[in-house]
Amino acid sequence: MWGLLDDLLKIVSEDIRTSQPGTSSKDILDGLPKKEREKVKTEIKRDTKKLIKEAKQLSPLVGEVMEAGYLLSETIDNHSRASKDRLSLPDLEYPVKKFSRGDHLYVNRWLGLDYSHHGLYLGRGNVIHYSQFEVRIDSLEDFAQGGNVHLMDSDLIYTIETVIRRAKSKLGEEEYDLLFNNCEHFVNWCRNGERRR
């Protein structure tokens, strides 16, 4: 367990040493070109998940606390991204866009808080997603609810047919959980098998 804590401290201290006074790691990431920034974010996510897995093996309680903190930070990031998009993109009309089967889509919504809602494009104008706490298929227009639909670049490790089959296998599932099994987790699970529970 102490080795795991040492690893966490090394990551944090390295971040502190490489940053300048008054500069956050977010500021450093924002200064990178988009492609490199996305690569760094992906590496950080993978390293974090690896540390959580190791922590769970050493101490299930510590691992669960770390995972809950990680999921909470992703939920906050989701809110932040949706708020930023809502302020920068007018959602006055539903834009006509062409999506491909298996695409990870999201639309920004407002429910007392800004948030983004995620779904998987099935083709022919249909999206499978968690809606009203159930996995179901809706039209792209119903999914959008008048907002702009965006494409998210999430990891894809399966073939498109496998992604679609995985998504449809969850039709009717009613196991929605804001922190551990939400609409974004569902799409990630379909595309890359990432399990949050």
C-alpha atoms as a PDB file:
ATOM      1  CA  MET A   1       0.000   0.000   0.000  1.00  0.00           C
ATOM      2  CA  TRP A   2       2.818   2.413   0.808  1.00  0.00           C
ATOM      3  CA  GLY A   3       4.270   1.870  -2.663  1.00  0.00           C
ATOM      4  CA  LEU A   4       0.968   2.949  -4.184  1.00  0.00           C
ATOM      5  CA  LEU A   5       0.892   6.070  -2.024  1.00  0.00           C
ATOM      6  CA  ASP A   6       4.495   6.784  -3.020  1.00  0.00           C
ATOM      7  CA  ASP A   7       3.441   6.541  -6.699  1.00  0.00           C
ATOM      8  CA  LEU A   8       0.625   9.031  -6.098  1.00  0.00           C
ATOM      9  CA  LEU A   9       2.982  11.417  -4.291  1.00  0.00           C
ATOM     10  CA  LYS A  10       5.509  11.184  -7.147  1.00  0.00           C
ATOM     11  CA  ILE A  11       2.830  12.097  -9.684  1.00  0.00           C
ATOM     12  CA  VAL A  12       1.666  15.050  -7.584  1.00  0.00           C
ATOM     13  CA  SER A  13       5.185  16.278  -6.789  1.00  0.00           C
ATOM     14  CA  GLU A  14       6.214  15.963 -10.456  1.00  0.00           C
ATOM     15  CA  ASP A  15       3.190  18.070 -11.384  1.00  0.00           C
ATOM     16  CA  ILE A  16       4.196  20.664  -8.778  1.00  0.00           C
ATOM     17  CA  ARG A  17       7.852  20.733  -9.917  1.00  0.00           C
ATOM     18  CA  THR A  18       6.971  21.183 -13.599  1.00  0.00           C
ATOM     19  CA  SER A  19       4.410  23.905 -13.035  1.00  0.00           C
ATOM     20  CA  GLN A  20       5.276  27.537 -12.475  1.00  0.00           C
ATOM     21  CA  PRO A  21       3.918  29.551  -9.543  1.00  0.00           C
ATOM     22  CA  GLY A  22       0.328  30.534 -10.233  1.00  0.00           C
ATOM     23  CA  THR A  23       0.051  28.004 -13.077  1.00  0.00           C
ATOM     24  CA  SER A  24      -2.246  25.018 -12.735  1.00  0.00           C
ATOM     25  CA  SER A  25      -1.894  21.736 -14.609  1.00  0.00           C
ATOM     26  CA  LYS A  26      -5.095  22.752 -16.467  1.00  0.00           C
ATOM     27  CA  ASP A  27      -3.298  25.899 -17.709  1.00  0.00           C
ATOM     28  CA  ILE A  28      -0.386  23.757 -18.889  1.00  0.00           C
ATOM     29  CA  LEU A  29      -2.729  21.348 -20.709  1.00  0.00           C
ATOM     30  CA  ASP A  30      -4.639  24.239 -22.289  1.00  0.00           C
ATOM     31  CA  GLY A  31      -1.345  25.515 -23.721  1.00  0.00           C
ATOM     32  CA  LEU A  32      -0.724  22.281 -25.634  1.00  0.00           C
ATOM     33  CA  PRO A  33      -1.971  21.602 -29.173  1.00  0.00           C
ATOM     34  CA  LYS A  34      -5.361  19.825 -29.114  1.00  0.00           C
ATOM     35  CA  LYS A  35      -4.014  16.453 -30.321  1.00  0.00           C
ATOM     36  CA  GLU A  36      -1.235  16.408 -27.716  1.00  0.00           C
ATOM     37  CA  ARG A  37      -3.624  17.624 -24.982  1.00  0.00           C
ATOM     38  CA  GLU A  38      -6.017  14.736 -25.727  1.00  0.00           C
ATOM     39  CA  LYS A  39      -3.105  12.267 -25.681  1.00  0.00           C
ATOM     40  CA  VAL A  40      -1.953  13.531 -22.258  1.00  0.00           C
ATOM     41  CA  LYS A  41      -5.514  13.369 -20.887  1.00  0.00           C
ATOM     42  CA  THR A  42      -5.863   9.768 -22.126  1.00  0.00           C
ATOM     43  CA  GLU A  43      -2.544   8.805 -20.498  1.00  0.00           C
ATOM     44  CA  ILE A  44      -3.601  10.419 -17.200  1.00  0.00           C
ATOM     45  CA  LYS A  45      -6.922   8.515 -17.273  1.00  0.00           C
ATOM     46  CA  ARG A  46      -5.150   5.209 -17.930  1.00  0.00           C
ATOM     47  CA  ASP A  47      -2.593   5.825 -15.168  1.00  0.00           C
ATOM     48  CA  THR A  48      -5.361   6.789 -12.732  1.00  0.00           C
ATOM     49  CA  LYS A  49      -7.370   3.655 -13.524  1.00  0.00           C
ATOM     50  CA  LYS A  50      -4.243   1.530 -13.073  1.00  0.00           C
ATOM     51  CA  LEU A  51      -3.575   3.100  -9.663  1.00  0.00           C
ATOM     52  CA  ILE A  52      -7.201   2.557  -8.616  1.00  0.00           C
ATOM     53  CA  LYS A  53      -6.997  -1.101  -9.655  1.00  0.00           C
ATOM     54  CA  GLU A  54      -3.780  -1.566  -7.669  1.00  0.00           C
ATOM     55  CA  ALA A  55      -5.298   0.214  -4.663  1.00  0.00           C
ATOM     56  CA  LYS A  56      -8.339  -2.090  -4.745  1.00  0.00           C
ATOM     57  CA  GLN A  57      -6.044  -5.120  -4.629  1.00  0.00           C
ATOM     58  CA  LEU A  58      -4.197  -3.753  -1.603  1.00  0.00           C
ATOM     59  CA  SER A  59      -7.180  -2.281   0.204  1.00  0.00           C
ATOM     60  CA  PRO A  60     -10.685  -2.518  -1.265  1.00  0.00           C
ATOM     61  CA  LEU A  61     -11.897   0.411   0.855  1.00  0.00           C
ATOM     62  CA  VAL A  62      -9.102   2.738  -0.249  1.00  0.00           C
ATOM     63  CA  GLY A  63      -9.640   1.643  -3.849  1.00  0.00           C
ATOM     64  CA  GLU A  64     -13.382   2.336  -3.652  1.00  0.00           C
ATOM     65  CA  VAL A  65     -12.738   5.802  -2.171  1.00  0.00           C
ATOM     66  CA  MET A  66     -10.223   6.573  -4.925  1.00  0.00           C
ATOM     67  CA  GLU A  67     -12.649   5.360  -7.599  1.00  0.00           C
ATOM     68  CA  ALA A  68     -15.504   7.437  -6.154  1.00  0.00           C
ATOM     69  CA  GLY A  69     -13.263  10.522  -6.191  1.00  0.00           C
ATOM     70  CA  TYR A  70     -12.257   9.822  -9.784  1.00  0.00           C
ATOM     71  CA  LEU A  71     -15.878   9.381 -10.890  1.00  0.00           C
ATOM     72  CA  LEU A  72     -16.894  12.551  -9.067  1.00  0.00           C
ATOM     73  CA  SER A  73     -14.147  14.478 -10.864  1.00  0.00           C
ATOM     74  CA  GLU A  74     -15.416  13.120 -14.219  1.00  0.00           C
ATOM     75  CA  THR A  75     -18.959  14.210 -13.336  1.00  0.00           C
ATOM     76  CA  ILE A  76     -17.683  17.696 -12.475  1.00  0.00           C
ATOM     77  CA  ASP A  77     -15.694  17.767 -15.740  1.00  0.00           C
ATOM     78  CA  ASN A  78     -18.879  16.775 -17.604  1.00  0.00           C
ATOM     79  CA  HIS A  79     -20.741  19.697 -15.979  1.00  0.00           C
ATOM     80  CA  SER A  80     -17.888  22.085 -16.730  1.00  0.00           C
ATOM     81  CA  ARG A  81     -17.658  21.016 -20.384  1.00  0.00           C
ATOM     82  CA  ALA A  82     -21.432  21.343 -20.830  1.00  0.00           C
ATOM     83  CA  SER A  83     -21.461  24.777 -19.199  1.00  0.00           C
ATOM     84  CA  LYS A  84     -18.604  25.979 -21.399  1.00  0.00           C
ATOM     85  CA  ASP A  85     -20.281  24.643 -24.557  1.00  0.00           C
ATOM     86  CA  ARG A  86     -23.618  26.164 -23.568  1.00  0.00           C
ATOM     87  CA  LEU A  87     -22.026  29.572 -23.199  1.00  0.00           C
ATOM     88  CA  SER A  88     -20.042  29.332 -26.437  1.00  0.00           C
ATOM     89  CA  LEU A  89     -22.473  27.556 -28.785  1.00  0.00           C
ATOM     90  CA  PRO A  90     -25.961  28.831 -29.438  1.00  0.00           C
ATOM     91  CA  ASP A  91     -28.439  25.931 -29.390  1.00  0.00           C
ATOM     92  CA  LEU A  92     -31.060  27.801 -31.382  1.00  0.00           C
ATOM     93  CA  GLU A  93     -31.526  25.249 -34.147  1.00  0.00           C
ATOM     94  CA  TYR A  94     -30.936  21.557 -34.500  1.00  0.00           C
ATOM     95  CA  PRO A  95     -28.014  21.309 -36.931  1.00  0.00           C
ATOM     96  CA  VAL A  96     -28.114  18.679 -39.642  1.00  0.00           C
ATOM     97  CA  LYS A  97     -24.995  16.572 -39.239  1.00  0.00           C
ATOM     98  CA  LYS A  98     -23.980  13.231 -40.577  1.00  0.00           C
ATOM     99  CA  PHE A  99     -22.923  10.690 -37.985  1.00  0.00           C
ATOM    100  CA  SER A 100     -21.617   7.161 -38.430  1.00  0.00           C
ATOM    101  CA  ARG A 101     -22.858   4.006 -36.717  1.00  0.00           C
ATOM    102  CA  GLY A 102     -21.169   3.536 -33.362  1.00  0.00           C
ATOM    103  CA  ASP A 103     -20.349   7.236 -32.890  1.00  0.00           C
ATOM    104  CA  HIS A 104     -20.295   8.557 -29.321  1.00  0.00           C
ATOM    105  CA  LEU A 105     -22.670  11.519 -29.292  1.00  0.00           C
ATOM    106  CA  TYR A 106     -23.484  14.063 -26.625  1.00  0.00           C
ATOM    107  CA  VAL A 107     -25.806  17.021 -26.290  1.00  0.00           C
ATOM    108  CA  ASN A 108     -25.690  19.750 -23.676  1.00  0.00           C
ATOM    109  CA  ARG A 109     -28.737  20.155 -21.501  1.00  0.00           C
ATOM    110  CA  TRP A 110     -29.901  22.225 -18.584  1.00  0.00           C
ATOM    111  CA  LEU A 111     -31.658  20.804 -15.524  1.00  0.00           C
ATOM    112  CA  GLY A 112     -30.870  23.347 -12.854  1.00  0.00           C
ATOM    113  CA  LEU A 113     -27.240  22.570 -13.764  1.00  0.00           C
ATOM    114  CA  ASP A 114     -25.502  22.327 -17.095  1.00  0.00           C
ATOM    115  CA  TYR A 115     -24.689  18.757 -18.015  1.00  0.00           C
ATOM    116  CA  SER A 116     -24.029  16.725 -21.127  1.00  0.00           C
ATOM    117  CA  HIS A 117     -26.165  13.730 -22.081  1.00  0.00           C
ATOM    118  CA  HIS A 118     -24.492  10.891 -23.999  1.00  0.00           C
ATOM    119  CA  GLY A 119     -25.725   8.312 -26.466  1.00  0.00           C
ATOM    120  CA  LEU A 120     -24.508   5.880 -29.119  1.00  0.00           C
ATOM    121  CA  TYR A 121     -25.537   6.434 -32.724  1.00  0.00           C
ATOM    122  CA  LEU A 122     -27.086   3.294 -34.238  1.00  0.00           C
ATOM    123  CA  GLY A 123     -27.578   4.694 -37.718  1.00  0.00           C
ATOM    124  CA  ARG A 124     -30.748   5.621 -39.630  1.00  0.00           C
ATOM    125  CA  GLY A 125     -31.393   8.515 -37.255  1.00  0.00           C
ATOM    126  CA  ASN A 126     -31.526   6.398 -34.067  1.00  0.00           C
ATOM    127  CA  VAL A 127     -29.611   6.737 -30.799  1.00  0.00           C
ATOM    128  CA  ILE A 128     -29.414   4.248 -27.921  1.00  0.00           C
ATOM    129  CA  HIS A 129     -28.929   5.870 -24.517  1.00  0.00           C
ATOM    130  CA  TYR A 130     -29.968   5.979 -20.887  1.00  0.00           C
ATOM    131  CA  SER A 131     -33.205   7.969 -20.854  1.00  0.00           C
ATOM    132  CA  GLN A 132     -35.523   8.253 -17.895  1.00  0.00           C
ATOM    133  CA  PHE A 133     -33.262   5.753 -16.058  1.00  0.00           C
ATOM    134  CA  GLU A 134     -33.650   3.081 -18.769  1.00  0.00           C
ATOM    135  CA  VAL A 135     -31.564   2.099 -21.807  1.00  0.00           C
ATOM    136  CA  ARG A 136     -33.736   2.752 -24.834  1.00  0.00           C
ATOM    137  CA  ILE A 137     -33.644   3.747 -28.507  1.00  0.00           C
ATOM    138  CA  ASP A 138     -34.883   7.173 -29.575  1.00  0.00           C
ATOM    139  CA  SER A 139     -34.670   9.248 -32.719  1.00  0.00           C
ATOM    140  CA  LEU A 140     -31.737  11.611 -33.051  1.00  0.00           C
ATOM    141  CA  GLU A 141     -34.189  14.515 -32.769  1.00  0.00           C
ATOM    142  CA  ASP A 142     -35.655  13.187 -29.503  1.00  0.00           C
ATOM    143  CA  PHE A 143     -32.132  12.596 -28.166  1.00  0.00           C
ATOM    144  CA  ALA A 144     -31.130  16.185 -29.076  1.00  0.00           C
ATOM    145  CA  GLN A 145     -34.232  17.804 -27.545  1.00  0.00           C
ATOM    146  CA  GLY A 146     -33.560  20.847 -29.704  1.00  0.00           C
ATOM    147  CA  GLY A 147     -29.867  21.097 -28.797  1.00  0.00           C
ATOM    148  CA  ASN A 148     -26.735  20.738 -30.888  1.00  0.00           C
ATOM    149  CA  VAL A 149     -25.473  17.174 -31.070  1.00  0.00           C
ATOM    150  CA  HIS A 150     -21.699  16.868 -30.729  1.00  0.00           C
ATOM    151  CA  LEU A 151     -19.319  14.031 -31.520  1.00  0.00           C
ATOM    152  CA  MET A 152     -17.088  12.805 -28.671  1.00  0.00           C
ATOM    153  CA  ASP A 153     -13.760  11.165 -29.410  1.00  0.00           C
ATOM    154  CA  SER A 154     -13.852   8.284 -26.913  1.00  0.00           C
ATOM    155  CA  ASP A 155     -11.720   5.145 -27.085  1.00  0.00           C
ATOM    156  CA  LEU A 156     -12.962   2.496 -29.517  1.00  0.00           C
ATOM    157  CA  ILE A 157     -11.517  -1.003 -29.199  1.00  0.00           C
ATOM    158  CA  TYR A 158     -14.340  -3.100 -30.670  1.00  0.00           C
ATOM    159  CA  THR A 159     -15.651  -3.378 -34.198  1.00  0.00           C
ATOM    160  CA  ILE A 160     -18.724  -1.250 -34.909  1.00  0.00           C
ATOM    161  CA  GLU A 161     -20.908  -4.365 -35.109  1.00  0.00           C
ATOM    162  CA  THR A 162     -19.676  -5.490 -31.684  1.00  0.00           C
ATOM    163  CA  VAL A 163     -20.303  -2.003 -30.255  1.00  0.00           C
ATOM    164  CA  ILE A 164     -23.886  -2.035 -31.593  1.00  0.00           C
ATOM    165  CA  ARG A 165     -24.468  -5.589 -30.314  1.00  0.00           C
ATOM    166  CA  ARG A 166     -23.150  -4.645 -26.854  1.00  0.00           C
ATOM    167  CA  ALA A 167     -25.407  -1.587 -26.762  1.00  0.00           C
ATOM    168  CA  LYS A 168     -28.514  -3.506 -27.795  1.00  0.00           C
ATOM    169  CA  SER A 169     -27.770  -6.187 -25.184  1.00  0.00           C
ATOM    170  CA  LYS A 170     -28.518  -3.540 -22.535  1.00  0.00           C
ATOM    171  CA  LEU A 171     -31.907  -2.464 -23.963  1.00  0.00           C
ATOM    172  CA  GLY A 172     -34.404  -2.106 -21.126  1.00  0.00           C
ATOM    173  CA  GLU A 173     -31.719  -2.097 -18.418  1.00  0.00           C
ATOM    174  CA  GLU A 174     -32.764   0.056 -15.466  1.00  0.00           C
ATOM    175  CA  GLU A 175     -29.529   0.264 -13.481  1.00  0.00           C
ATOM    176  CA  TYR A 176     -28.793   3.977 -13.934  1.00  0.00           C
ATOM    177  CA  ASP A 177     -26.540   5.529 -11.299  1.00  0.00           C
ATOM    178  CA  LEU A 178     -25.267   9.107 -11.593  1.00  0.00           C
ATOM    179  CA  LEU A 179     -21.760   8.277 -10.349  1.00  0.00           C
ATOM    180  CA  PHE A 180     -21.248   4.639 -11.285  1.00  0.00           C
ATOM    181  CA  ASN A 181     -23.450   3.816 -14.303  1.00  0.00           C
ATOM    182  CA  ASN A 182     -24.617   6.931 -16.125  1.00  0.00           C
ATOM    183  CA  CYS A 183     -25.228   7.637 -19.816  1.00  0.00           C
ATOM    184  CA  GLU A 184     -21.554   8.394 -20.535  1.00  0.00           C
ATOM    185  CA  HIS A 185     -20.414   5.230 -18.742  1.00  0.00           C
ATOM    186  CA  PHE A 186     -22.906   3.241 -20.840  1.00  0.00           C
ATOM    187  CA  VAL A 187     -21.504   4.547 -24.149  1.00  0.00           C
ATOM    188  CA  ASN A 188     -17.910   4.003 -22.990  1.00  0.00           C
ATOM    189  CA  TRP A 189     -18.771   0.420 -21.983  1.00  0.00           C
ATOM    190  CA  CYS A 190     -20.270  -0.212 -25.434  1.00  0.00           C
ATOM    191  CA  ARG A 191     -17.233   1.199 -27.272  1.00  0.00           C
ATOM    192  CA  ASN A 192     -14.318   0.049 -25.124  1.00  0.00           C
ATOM    193  CA  GLY A 193     -15.544  -2.204 -22.331  1.00  0.00           C
ATOM    194  CA  GLU A 194     -14.661   0.311 -19.653  1.00  0.00           C
ATOM    195  CA  ARG A 195     -16.435  -0.816 -16.488  1.00  0.00           C
ATOM    196  CA  ARG A 196     -17.152   1.698 -13.743  1.00  0.00           C
ATOM    197  CA  ARG A 197     -18.879  -0.610 -11.297  1.00  0.00           C
END
